Protein backbone atom coordinates (compact mmCIF):
# COMPACT_ATOMS: atom_id res chain seq x y z
CA MET A 1 118.97 70.04 110.34
CA SER A 2 116.93 70.86 107.29
CA SER A 3 116.46 68.64 104.26
CA SER A 4 114.80 68.96 100.88
CA ASN A 5 113.39 66.77 98.15
CA THR A 6 114.26 69.16 95.33
CA LEU A 7 117.82 68.78 94.13
CA TYR A 8 117.25 70.99 91.10
CA GLY A 9 116.15 73.89 93.31
CA ALA A 10 119.33 73.77 95.41
CA LEU A 11 121.55 73.67 92.34
CA ALA A 12 119.58 76.34 90.48
CA TYR A 13 119.74 78.71 93.44
CA ASN A 14 123.53 78.58 93.35
CA GLN A 15 123.88 78.40 89.57
CA ASN A 16 121.83 81.58 89.21
CA LYS A 17 124.38 83.31 91.42
CA VAL A 18 127.19 81.94 89.26
CA ASP A 19 125.50 83.12 86.08
CA ASP A 20 125.16 86.59 87.61
CA THR A 21 128.89 86.53 88.51
CA HIS A 22 128.00 86.71 92.19
CA ALA A 23 129.27 83.21 92.93
CA SER A 24 131.79 80.63 91.76
CA VAL A 25 132.60 76.96 92.32
CA ILE A 26 135.65 76.58 94.58
CA PHE A 27 135.58 72.83 95.21
CA ALA A 28 133.86 69.70 93.91
CA ASN A 29 134.01 66.13 95.17
CA LYS A 30 132.98 63.22 92.92
CA MET A 31 131.29 65.63 90.54
CA ILE A 32 131.16 65.39 86.74
CA GLU A 33 132.55 68.37 84.85
CA SER A 34 130.79 69.67 81.76
CA ALA A 35 132.58 69.75 78.40
CA ASP A 36 133.96 73.23 79.03
CA GLY A 37 135.42 72.24 82.39
CA ASN A 38 132.74 73.97 84.45
CA TYR A 39 129.98 72.57 86.62
CA ASP A 40 126.57 73.34 85.18
CA ILE A 41 123.24 72.09 86.50
CA ASN A 42 122.99 69.17 84.08
CA SER A 43 126.44 67.79 84.92
CA CYS A 44 125.68 68.13 88.62
CA LEU A 45 122.36 66.32 88.22
CA ARG A 46 124.17 63.47 86.47
CA SER A 47 126.64 63.30 89.36
CA PHE A 48 123.87 62.90 91.93
CA GLU A 49 121.53 60.76 89.83
CA PRO A 50 122.90 57.29 90.76
CA TYR A 51 122.48 58.08 94.45
CA LEU A 52 118.90 59.25 93.95
CA LEU A 53 118.12 56.12 91.93
CA ALA A 54 119.48 53.96 94.74
CA ASN A 55 117.47 55.83 97.36
CA GLN A 56 114.45 53.86 98.51
CA ARG A 57 113.11 55.37 101.75
CA THR A 58 114.57 58.81 102.42
CA GLU A 59 111.88 61.33 101.46
CA LYS A 60 114.13 64.39 101.62
CA PRO A 61 117.59 63.31 100.51
CA VAL A 62 119.01 66.70 99.49
CA LEU A 63 121.42 68.57 101.77
CA HIS A 64 122.06 72.30 101.33
CA VAL A 65 124.49 73.91 103.75
CA SER A 66 125.65 77.51 104.00
CA ILE A 67 128.65 78.46 106.14
CA ASN A 68 128.85 82.16 106.94
CA PRO A 69 132.02 83.56 108.55
CA ASP A 70 131.95 86.97 110.20
CA PRO A 71 132.88 89.84 107.83
CA LYS A 72 135.86 90.43 110.10
CA ASP A 73 137.16 86.95 109.28
CA VAL A 74 139.44 87.37 106.26
CA LEU A 75 139.64 83.99 104.54
CA THR A 76 141.10 82.93 101.21
CA ASN A 77 139.21 80.75 98.75
CA ASP A 78 141.43 77.81 99.71
CA GLN A 79 140.65 78.29 103.39
CA LEU A 80 136.93 78.44 102.70
CA SER A 81 137.23 75.30 100.60
CA ASP A 82 139.11 73.55 103.44
CA ILE A 83 136.44 74.62 105.94
CA ALA A 84 133.73 73.13 103.73
CA GLN A 85 135.60 69.85 103.34
CA GLU A 86 136.36 69.60 107.06
CA TRP A 87 132.74 70.25 107.97
CA MET A 88 131.55 67.56 105.55
CA GLN A 89 134.13 65.14 106.94
CA LYS A 90 133.13 65.76 110.56
CA MET A 91 129.46 65.28 109.70
CA GLY A 92 130.05 62.03 107.80
CA TYR A 93 129.49 63.33 104.27
CA SER A 94 133.08 63.42 102.97
CA ASP A 95 132.58 60.40 100.68
CA GLN A 96 129.47 61.89 99.13
CA PRO A 97 129.40 63.83 95.88
CA PHE A 98 129.21 67.49 96.82
CA ILE A 99 129.91 70.89 95.33
CA VAL A 100 131.00 74.07 97.11
CA TYR A 101 129.96 77.53 95.90
CA LEU A 102 131.54 80.78 97.06
CA HIS A 103 128.94 83.58 97.27
CA GLU A 104 130.03 87.21 97.15
CA ASP A 105 126.71 88.98 96.58
CA ILE A 106 126.44 90.41 100.11
CA GLU A 107 128.80 92.06 102.56
CA ARG A 108 130.40 88.87 103.82
CA ARG A 109 131.82 86.13 101.64
CA HIS A 110 130.20 82.82 102.45
CA ILE A 111 129.93 79.33 101.03
CA HIS A 112 127.10 76.97 100.06
CA ILE A 113 127.43 73.20 99.88
CA VAL A 114 125.01 70.98 97.96
CA SER A 115 125.08 67.23 98.54
CA LEU A 116 122.87 64.22 99.31
CA ARG A 117 121.95 62.46 102.54
CA VAL A 118 121.94 58.99 100.97
CA ASP A 119 125.03 57.03 99.93
CA GLU A 120 125.63 55.13 96.68
CA ASN A 121 123.68 52.15 98.05
CA GLY A 122 120.67 54.27 98.85
CA LYS A 123 121.28 54.13 102.60
CA LYS A 124 120.77 57.32 104.59
CA ILE A 125 123.92 58.82 106.12
CA ASP A 126 123.88 58.47 109.90
CA ASP A 127 122.35 61.61 111.37
CA LYS A 128 122.27 60.62 115.03
CA PHE A 129 123.17 63.45 117.42
CA GLU A 130 123.57 65.68 114.39
CA HIS A 131 122.90 68.82 116.39
CA ARG A 132 125.65 68.07 118.89
CA ARG A 133 128.13 67.05 116.20
CA SER A 134 127.40 70.17 114.18
CA MET A 135 127.99 72.38 117.19
CA ASP A 136 131.25 70.61 118.01
CA ALA A 137 132.44 70.82 114.40
CA CYS A 138 131.75 74.52 114.25
CA ARG A 139 133.57 75.20 117.53
CA GLU A 140 136.60 73.31 116.25
CA LEU A 141 136.61 75.20 112.95
CA GLU A 142 136.38 78.52 114.79
CA GLN A 143 139.42 77.66 116.87
CA ARG A 144 141.41 76.16 114.00
CA TYR A 145 141.00 79.18 111.74
CA GLY A 146 140.89 81.87 114.45
CA LEU A 147 137.34 82.92 113.60
CA VAL A 148 134.89 85.07 115.54
CA PRO A 149 133.38 82.73 118.19
CA ALA A 150 129.70 82.20 118.90
CA ASP A 151 129.63 84.11 122.19
CA GLN A 152 130.55 87.31 120.36
CA LYS A 153 127.76 86.68 117.89
CA LYS A 154 125.27 86.40 120.75
CA GLN A 155 126.39 89.77 122.05
CA GLN A 156 125.84 91.29 118.60
CA GLU A 157 122.39 89.72 118.36
CA SER A 158 121.30 91.26 121.66
CA LEU A 159 121.36 94.69 120.02
CA PRO A 160 118.03 96.17 118.86
CA LEU A 161 117.11 95.95 115.21
CA LYS A 162 117.97 99.01 113.21
CA PRO A 163 115.60 100.64 110.70
CA VAL A 164 116.71 100.31 107.08
CA ASN A 165 118.77 103.24 105.80
CA TYR A 166 118.96 103.07 102.01
CA LYS A 167 121.82 105.59 102.02
CA ASN A 168 124.06 103.01 103.73
CA GLY A 169 123.81 100.61 100.78
CA ASP A 170 123.36 96.82 100.83
CA VAL A 171 119.61 97.41 101.15
CA LYS A 172 118.74 93.78 100.49
CA HIS A 173 120.80 92.66 103.46
CA GLN A 174 119.32 95.35 105.70
CA ILE A 175 115.79 94.35 104.76
CA ALA A 176 116.56 90.67 105.29
CA ASN A 177 117.84 91.30 108.82
CA VAL A 178 114.62 93.04 109.79
CA ILE A 179 111.91 90.99 108.11
CA ARG A 180 113.26 87.60 109.20
CA SER A 181 113.42 88.74 112.82
CA VAL A 182 110.10 90.56 113.12
CA ALA A 183 108.24 87.79 111.26
CA ARG A 184 109.47 85.36 113.86
CA ASP A 185 109.28 87.45 117.02
CA TYR A 186 106.12 89.55 116.65
CA HIS A 187 102.49 88.50 116.76
CA PHE A 188 100.20 89.98 114.11
CA GLN A 189 96.77 88.89 112.91
CA SER A 190 96.79 90.13 109.33
CA LEU A 191 99.21 91.04 106.56
CA LYS A 192 98.13 94.68 107.02
CA GLU A 193 99.33 94.60 110.63
CA TYR A 194 102.59 92.99 109.51
CA LYS A 195 102.97 95.72 106.88
CA ALA A 196 102.38 98.43 109.49
CA LEU A 197 105.04 96.89 111.73
CA LEU A 198 107.59 96.95 108.92
CA THR A 199 107.09 100.67 108.31
CA LEU A 200 108.71 101.29 111.70
CA TYR A 201 111.87 99.91 110.17
CA ASN A 202 111.52 101.86 106.91
CA ILE A 203 110.34 98.83 104.94
CA GLY A 204 107.35 98.74 102.62
CA MET A 205 105.52 95.54 101.76
CA GLU A 206 103.04 94.92 98.93
CA GLU A 207 100.96 91.86 98.14
CA ILE A 208 101.09 90.67 94.53
CA ARG A 209 98.49 88.46 92.88
CA GLY A 210 98.23 87.19 89.33
CA GLU A 211 98.06 84.23 87.00
CA ILE A 212 100.70 82.45 84.89
CA ASN A 213 99.87 79.66 82.46
CA GLY A 214 96.45 79.25 84.05
CA LYS A 215 97.87 78.98 87.57
CA SER A 216 97.15 81.69 90.11
CA TYR A 217 99.93 82.92 92.33
CA GLN A 218 100.29 85.15 95.36
CA GLY A 219 103.49 86.77 96.56
CA LEU A 220 105.02 89.65 98.48
CA VAL A 221 107.40 92.41 97.45
CA TYR A 222 109.56 94.36 99.91
CA SER A 223 111.01 97.85 99.41
CA ALA A 224 113.07 100.36 101.36
CA LEU A 225 111.29 103.55 102.45
CA ASN A 226 112.75 107.01 102.89
CA GLU A 227 112.01 109.40 105.77
CA LYS A 228 108.75 110.41 104.06
CA GLY A 229 107.55 106.84 103.75
CA GLU A 230 108.17 106.79 100.00
CA LYS A 231 109.63 103.77 98.19
CA VAL A 232 113.25 104.12 97.12
CA GLY A 233 115.41 101.81 95.02
CA ASN A 234 114.45 98.46 93.54
CA PRO A 235 111.87 96.18 95.19
CA PHE A 236 112.75 92.63 96.29
CA LYS A 237 110.59 89.53 95.89
CA SER A 238 110.01 87.61 99.11
CA SER A 239 111.50 84.50 97.48
CA LEU A 240 114.93 86.18 97.63
CA PHE A 241 114.78 86.04 101.43
CA GLY A 242 113.48 82.52 101.97
CA LYS A 243 110.23 80.77 102.80
CA SER A 244 110.04 82.17 106.32
CA ILE A 245 108.74 85.53 105.10
CA GLY A 246 106.66 84.32 102.16
CA VAL A 247 102.86 84.38 102.07
CA GLU A 248 102.34 80.77 103.20
CA ALA A 249 104.64 81.07 106.22
CA LEU A 250 103.15 84.41 107.25
CA GLU A 251 99.61 83.06 107.00
CA LYS A 252 100.60 80.26 109.35
CA ARG A 253 102.18 82.80 111.67
CA ILE A 254 98.98 84.85 111.61
CA ALA A 255 96.88 81.83 112.58
CA LYS A 256 99.28 80.94 115.37
CA SER A 257 99.48 84.55 116.61
CA THR A 258 95.69 84.85 116.72
CA GLU A 259 95.52 81.82 118.97
CA ILE A 260 98.35 83.01 121.23
CA ILE A 261 96.91 86.53 121.61
CA LYS A 262 93.52 85.11 122.54
CA ASN A 263 94.73 82.41 124.93
CA LYS A 264 97.22 84.65 126.74
CA GLY A 265 95.04 87.75 126.80
CA LEU A 266 97.77 89.86 125.23
CA LYS A 267 95.37 92.67 124.26
CA GLU A 268 94.69 93.72 127.82
CA ARG A 269 98.01 95.38 128.59
CA SER A 270 97.91 97.46 125.40
CA LYS A 271 94.27 98.47 125.92
CA LYS A 272 94.98 99.66 129.45
CA VAL A 273 98.02 101.74 128.45
CA ILE A 274 96.32 103.29 125.41
CA SER A 275 93.10 104.03 127.29
CA THR A 276 94.99 105.83 130.06
CA ALA A 277 96.93 107.90 127.53
CA MET A 278 93.71 108.87 125.74
CA GLN A 279 92.30 110.23 128.97
CA THR A 280 95.38 112.10 130.13
CA CYS A 281 97.08 113.41 126.98
CA LYS A 282 96.08 116.80 125.62
CA ASN A 283 97.19 116.32 122.03
CA ARG A 284 98.39 113.74 119.52
CA LYS A 285 102.08 114.48 119.95
CA ASN A 286 101.84 114.06 123.72
CA PHE A 287 99.78 110.89 123.19
CA GLU A 288 102.45 109.35 120.97
CA LYS A 289 105.26 110.22 123.38
CA THR A 290 103.36 108.80 126.33
CA LEU A 291 102.82 105.49 124.53
CA GLU A 292 106.44 105.46 123.44
CA LYS A 293 107.56 105.59 127.07
CA GLN A 294 105.38 102.53 127.69
CA GLY A 295 106.98 100.63 124.80
CA ILE A 296 104.11 101.11 122.35
CA SER A 297 104.41 102.66 118.88
CA VAL A 298 101.36 104.09 117.14
CA LEU A 299 100.94 104.59 113.41
CA PHE A 300 98.15 106.93 112.29
CA ARG A 301 97.10 106.92 108.65
CA THR A 302 95.59 110.16 107.39
CA ASN A 303 94.13 111.34 104.10
CA ASP A 304 94.91 114.58 102.26
CA ASP A 305 92.42 116.44 104.43
CA GLY A 306 94.16 115.33 107.59
CA ARG A 307 91.42 112.91 108.63
CA ILE A 308 92.65 109.87 110.55
CA TYR A 309 91.31 106.77 108.80
CA GLY A 310 93.54 104.13 110.38
CA ALA A 311 95.42 103.44 113.59
CA THR A 312 97.81 100.59 114.38
CA PHE A 313 99.53 99.95 117.71
CA ILE A 314 102.76 97.97 118.15
CA ASP A 315 103.39 96.76 121.68
CA HIS A 316 107.12 96.04 121.73
CA GLU A 317 107.02 94.69 125.26
CA GLN A 318 104.63 91.89 124.31
CA LYS A 319 105.74 91.80 120.66
CA CYS A 320 102.17 92.30 119.43
CA VAL A 321 100.63 94.37 116.62
CA PHE A 322 97.01 95.53 116.85
CA ASN A 323 94.81 97.42 114.44
CA GLY A 324 92.91 99.91 116.60
CA SER A 325 89.46 98.48 115.89
CA ARG A 326 90.76 95.01 116.79
CA LEU A 327 91.30 96.23 120.34
CA GLY A 328 87.72 97.54 120.48
CA LYS A 329 85.41 100.21 119.09
CA GLU A 330 86.79 102.72 121.57
CA PHE A 331 90.16 102.49 119.78
CA SER A 332 88.90 102.85 116.21
CA ALA A 333 90.22 105.43 113.77
CA ASN A 334 87.06 107.55 114.06
CA VAL A 335 87.54 107.89 117.79
CA PHE A 336 91.09 109.20 117.36
CA ASN A 337 90.05 111.48 114.53
CA ASN A 338 87.47 113.10 116.81
CA LEU A 339 89.91 113.16 119.73
CA PHE A 340 92.63 114.99 117.76
CA ARG A 341 90.41 116.88 115.31
CA ASN A 342 91.50 120.33 116.46
CA ASP A 343 95.04 119.26 117.27
CA ASN A 344 97.83 121.39 115.80
CA SER A 345 100.65 119.63 117.63
CA THR A 346 101.55 117.42 114.65
CA ASN A 347 101.38 117.60 110.90
CA ASN A 348 98.88 115.46 109.10
CA SER A 349 101.29 113.16 107.30
CA VAL A 350 101.38 109.45 107.91
CA ASP A 351 103.62 108.74 110.87
CA LEU A 352 106.16 106.26 109.53
CA THR A 353 109.23 107.39 111.40
CA ASN A 354 108.32 106.78 115.02
CA ASN A 355 111.63 105.82 116.57
CA SER A 356 110.20 104.13 119.63
CA VAL A 357 111.69 100.93 118.26
CA ASN A 358 115.02 102.08 119.60
CA SER A 359 113.67 103.08 123.01
CA THR A 360 112.26 99.69 123.91
CA ASN A 361 113.76 96.35 124.68
CA ASN A 362 113.67 95.08 121.15
CA SER A 363 116.51 92.57 121.22
CA ILE A 364 116.01 89.45 119.15
CA ASP A 365 116.96 86.03 120.50
CA LEU A 366 117.87 84.07 117.40
CA THR A 367 119.58 81.11 118.99
CA ASN A 368 116.95 79.48 121.18
CA ASN A 369 115.66 76.92 118.70
CA SER A 370 115.87 73.38 119.98
CA ALA A 371 117.48 70.64 117.93
CA ASP A 372 114.25 68.69 117.78
CA SER A 373 112.05 71.57 116.65
CA THR A 374 110.08 70.85 113.50
CA ASN A 375 108.00 74.00 113.34
CA ASN A 376 108.74 75.63 109.99
CA ASN A 377 105.92 78.14 110.11
CA VAL A 378 107.98 81.27 110.43
CA ASP A 379 111.08 80.34 112.40
CA SER A 380 114.09 81.96 110.79
CA THR A 381 117.29 83.74 111.61
CA ASN A 382 118.88 87.00 110.65
CA ASN A 383 122.18 87.36 108.92
CA SER A 384 124.30 88.49 111.86
CA ALA A 385 127.74 87.24 111.16
CA ASP A 386 129.99 84.60 112.58
CA LEU A 387 130.80 81.10 111.47
CA ARG A 388 127.48 79.39 111.26
CA THR A 389 125.76 76.73 109.25
CA GLU A 390 122.59 77.38 107.39
CA LEU A 391 120.86 74.21 106.39
CA GLY A 392 118.03 75.08 104.08
CA SER A 393 115.86 73.81 101.32
CA GLU A 394 114.46 75.32 98.16
CA LYS A 395 110.87 75.81 97.14
CA SER A 396 109.47 72.49 96.00
CA PHE A 397 106.23 73.29 94.18
CA ASN A 398 104.44 74.06 97.47
CA ARG A 399 105.60 70.85 99.13
CA GLU A 400 106.01 71.72 102.78
CA ASN A 401 109.56 71.67 104.11
CA GLN A 402 109.97 70.40 107.64
CA SER A 403 113.07 71.60 109.39
CA SER A 404 114.60 71.69 112.82
CA SER A 405 117.01 74.28 114.02
CA ILE A 406 120.27 73.14 115.49
CA GLY A 407 120.70 76.30 117.53
CA GLY A 408 123.74 78.19 118.67
CA ILE A 409 125.74 79.58 115.78
CA PHE A 410 123.82 77.45 113.30
CA ASP A 411 121.06 79.14 111.38
CA LEU A 412 118.30 77.90 109.13
CA LEU A 413 117.55 79.76 105.93
CA SER A 414 115.61 78.68 102.91
CA PRO A 415 116.81 80.13 99.62
CA GLU A 416 113.90 79.78 97.23
CA ILE A 417 113.51 79.22 93.56
CA SER A 418 110.07 80.49 92.69
CA GLY A 419 107.86 79.22 89.92
CA ASP A 420 107.65 75.97 88.05
CA ASN A 421 110.66 74.75 86.09
CA HIS A 422 110.34 72.41 83.14
CA GLU A 423 113.93 71.17 83.44
CA GLU A 424 113.35 70.17 87.05
CA GLU A 425 110.10 68.43 86.15
CA ALA A 426 111.87 66.55 83.37
CA PHE A 427 114.62 65.45 85.75
CA ILE A 428 112.07 64.21 88.30
CA ARG A 429 110.19 62.27 85.62
CA ARG A 430 113.44 60.70 84.42
CA ILE A 431 114.36 59.55 87.92
CA LYS A 432 110.89 58.08 88.51
CA LYS A 433 110.97 56.32 85.16
CA LYS A 434 114.36 54.72 85.85
CA LYS A 435 113.20 53.63 89.30
CA ARG A 436 110.18 51.89 87.81
CA ARG A 437 112.49 50.05 85.41
CA GLN A 438 114.66 48.94 88.32
CA LYS A 439 111.65 47.48 90.11
CA ARG A 440 110.73 45.40 87.07
CA ILE A 441 114.19 43.86 86.80
């Protein structure tokens, strides 16, 4: 179960949705209302403040839960509120101050709960066997409310990922499903290889660098691509999808993938298949089809004159992405340009629509995370629907968030609030100042 040390981030994530009319508060327990009868960030901070002041040892006392019923589950606001309260009760948090937000910004209506893991005396709420209790609570709620059970979700998740189709709408959700899964399941050794992989699913990725108030920053932006590989619609910052597909997490994934590819010799299978195809195929089109049958996609990048200046191979069987030159000089772009120089079997546009993704075993197992796992490098889950609990944390000024998946129908996501926030800093300073006063007394 994931925790966080940034209360402001959890509240701001939900309040931003409320301000954009994409969310609303449907229940509050032991929370202070603002003067207008609503629950703004400041009133919520005041509600939680005594508990944070009492906290002495718990480093990450903030709890952020998201419960996501299947779109087929038609639930009223009262039912969703009851589900939230029952879950908190079963997990031992019913006496805590907590607030429940209803989110309606994506296809399925779902709820977020923000609370604390420490009681009014500063003692941490018992979290023994939390994984097992969470699973049991979710099973009971599914049965009580007649919701789509976990076994049906697993069947849905065994289906291959689908490329983004901007014409179908809900582009943000489509992109999220793909990037969270491929970032977890595939091995790539650079952001360029990751970017090439995403083009198979009609997703573009750009790296953004800059400076704000003297502080440098680095981020990623995702966009949908049309059949020509052109960007369509509005781009989405990586922070909208969670830490698992941000720059820091991907860099960790790259380092880990490099080690795995080397230690397990994962290049060899791809090199053998590609080499054989190069020797036996008469033209580029035949070459691509031959690789496709072996579960390998190839992306050639060409200039206006038709010259091949880049080649990337995606081995779906081993879940690996290789730039051609990384496999060896014999697989460099120049070699393929010479090999297919007089080839008229294909046009000279960049191949971004190779559909071999759908012809390989590309199913994504999103439920095999152990309860004791603490690897937060890239592990994440997609948004396939059924009742599940997402226990995430917000960006905390680059403080690393350790998390452990609780498996099954429970998913870990990390809604982020990017950038520094003066109100949050002021709140943190106030808490520290009051704690110092307490120590003197």
